[in-house]
Protein backbone atom coordinates (compact mmCIF):
# COMPACT_ATOMS: atom_id res chain seq x y z
CA MET A 1 -0.46 -0.10 0.09
CA GLN A 2 1.40 3.13 -1.10
CA ILE A 3 -0.03 7.01 -0.12
CA ALA A 4 -1.32 9.21 -3.63
CA GLN A 5 -0.57 12.56 -2.82
CA LYS A 6 -0.27 13.56 -6.36
CA ILE A 7 -4.18 11.95 -6.68
CA SER A 8 -5.19 13.98 -3.20
CA ASP A 9 -3.67 17.33 -3.99
CA ASP A 10 -5.73 17.00 -7.77
CA LEU A 11 -9.22 16.12 -5.64
CA VAL A 12 -8.48 19.30 -3.63
CA ARG A 13 -7.30 21.35 -6.03
CA SER A 14 -10.29 20.49 -8.33
CA GLY A 15 -13.08 21.33 -5.72
CA TYR A 16 -14.30 18.01 -4.72
CA ALA A 17 -12.08 18.17 -1.05
CA LYS A 18 -11.78 20.41 1.07
CA GLN A 19 -8.62 18.32 2.23
CA ALA A 20 -8.29 14.02 1.05
CA VAL A 21 -5.56 11.52 1.64
CA THR A 22 -5.44 8.11 -1.11
CA PHE A 23 -4.03 5.65 -0.85
CA VAL A 24 -3.11 2.59 -3.46
CA ALA A 25 -2.91 -0.56 -3.07
CA GLY A 26 -2.61 -2.71 -6.97
CA ASP A 27 -5.39 -2.15 -8.64
CA THR A 28 -7.27 -0.10 -6.43
CA ALA A 29 -7.73 3.29 -4.47
CA TYR A 30 -9.30 4.29 -1.18
CA VAL A 31 -9.76 7.96 -0.78
CA ALA A 32 -11.19 9.31 2.24
CA LEU A 33 -12.15 13.21 2.36
CA GLN A 34 -13.55 16.17 4.13
CA GLN A 35 -16.29 17.48 1.49
CA ALA A 36 -15.59 21.26 -0.05
CA HIS A 37 -19.21 21.46 0.34
CA PRO A 38 -21.59 18.79 2.35
CA ALA A 39 -23.70 17.37 -0.43
CA THR A 40 -27.12 15.60 -0.34
CA THR A 41 -27.23 12.05 -0.75
CA ASN A 42 -28.09 12.22 -4.18
CA GLU A 43 -25.36 14.71 -5.11
CA GLY A 44 -22.67 12.94 -2.79
CA LEU A 45 -23.01 9.73 -5.00
CA LYS A 46 -22.85 12.27 -7.90
CA ASP A 47 -19.99 12.98 -6.42
CA LYS A 48 -18.28 9.90 -5.30
CA GLN A 49 -18.65 8.81 -9.35
CA ALA A 50 -17.37 12.35 -10.46
CA ILE A 51 -14.52 11.38 -8.09
CA SER A 52 -13.74 7.63 -8.79
CA HIS A 53 -13.91 8.58 -12.21
CA ARG A 54 -10.80 11.10 -11.84
CA VAL A 55 -8.95 8.81 -9.82
CA ARG A 56 -8.75 6.21 -12.53
CA ARG A 57 -8.25 8.94 -15.49
CA MET A 58 -4.69 10.34 -13.09
CA ASN A 59 -4.05 6.03 -12.79
CA PRO A 60 -5.11 4.18 -15.75
CA GLN A 61 -4.31 1.39 -13.86
CA ILE A 62 -7.08 1.34 -10.94
CA ARG A 63 -9.64 -0.19 -11.46
CA THR A 64 -11.13 0.08 -8.61
CA VAL A 65 -12.29 3.07 -6.21
CA TYR A 66 -13.67 3.05 -2.70
CA VAL A 67 -14.32 6.91 -1.63
CA SER A 68 -15.55 7.76 1.40
CA ALA A 69 -16.63 11.30 3.24
CA ASN A 70 -16.87 10.36 6.61
CA PRO A 71 -15.18 12.01 9.23
CA ASP A 72 -14.31 9.15 11.45
CA VAL A 73 -12.58 7.25 8.33
CA TYR A 74 -10.67 10.82 7.19
CA THR A 75 -9.27 10.70 10.62
CA ARG A 76 -8.11 6.95 10.48
CA PHE A 77 -6.54 7.66 7.16
CA GLN A 78 -4.72 10.88 7.87
CA SER A 79 -3.41 8.49 10.86
CA PHE A 80 -2.47 5.24 8.25
CA ALA A 81 -0.66 7.97 6.31
CA LYS A 82 1.63 9.34 9.75
CA ASP A 83 2.06 5.89 10.14
CA LEU A 84 3.72 5.27 6.58
CA ALA A 85 5.41 7.95 6.56
CA ALA A 86 7.64 7.06 9.74
CA GLY A 87 7.89 3.84 7.94
CA ARG A 88 5.96 1.99 10.14
């Protein structure tokens, strides 16, 4: 598993997220984000589909993308990213 900082930065720059953490493992990407603009359920689903499409465009090897806007998941991803950066 590795951190995909370029994908996270792109999602923030493009306005999909206020902050994001992305991990890639094989052909799967896991994205946790803080929403730039909280959305209704239907809008959130469309945003997740757009985010998945954007992630796949940035890295064509990725086949599956999991996106979460849950604050607890985002906090855990931040913790995992710090651990990975520290070599744990």
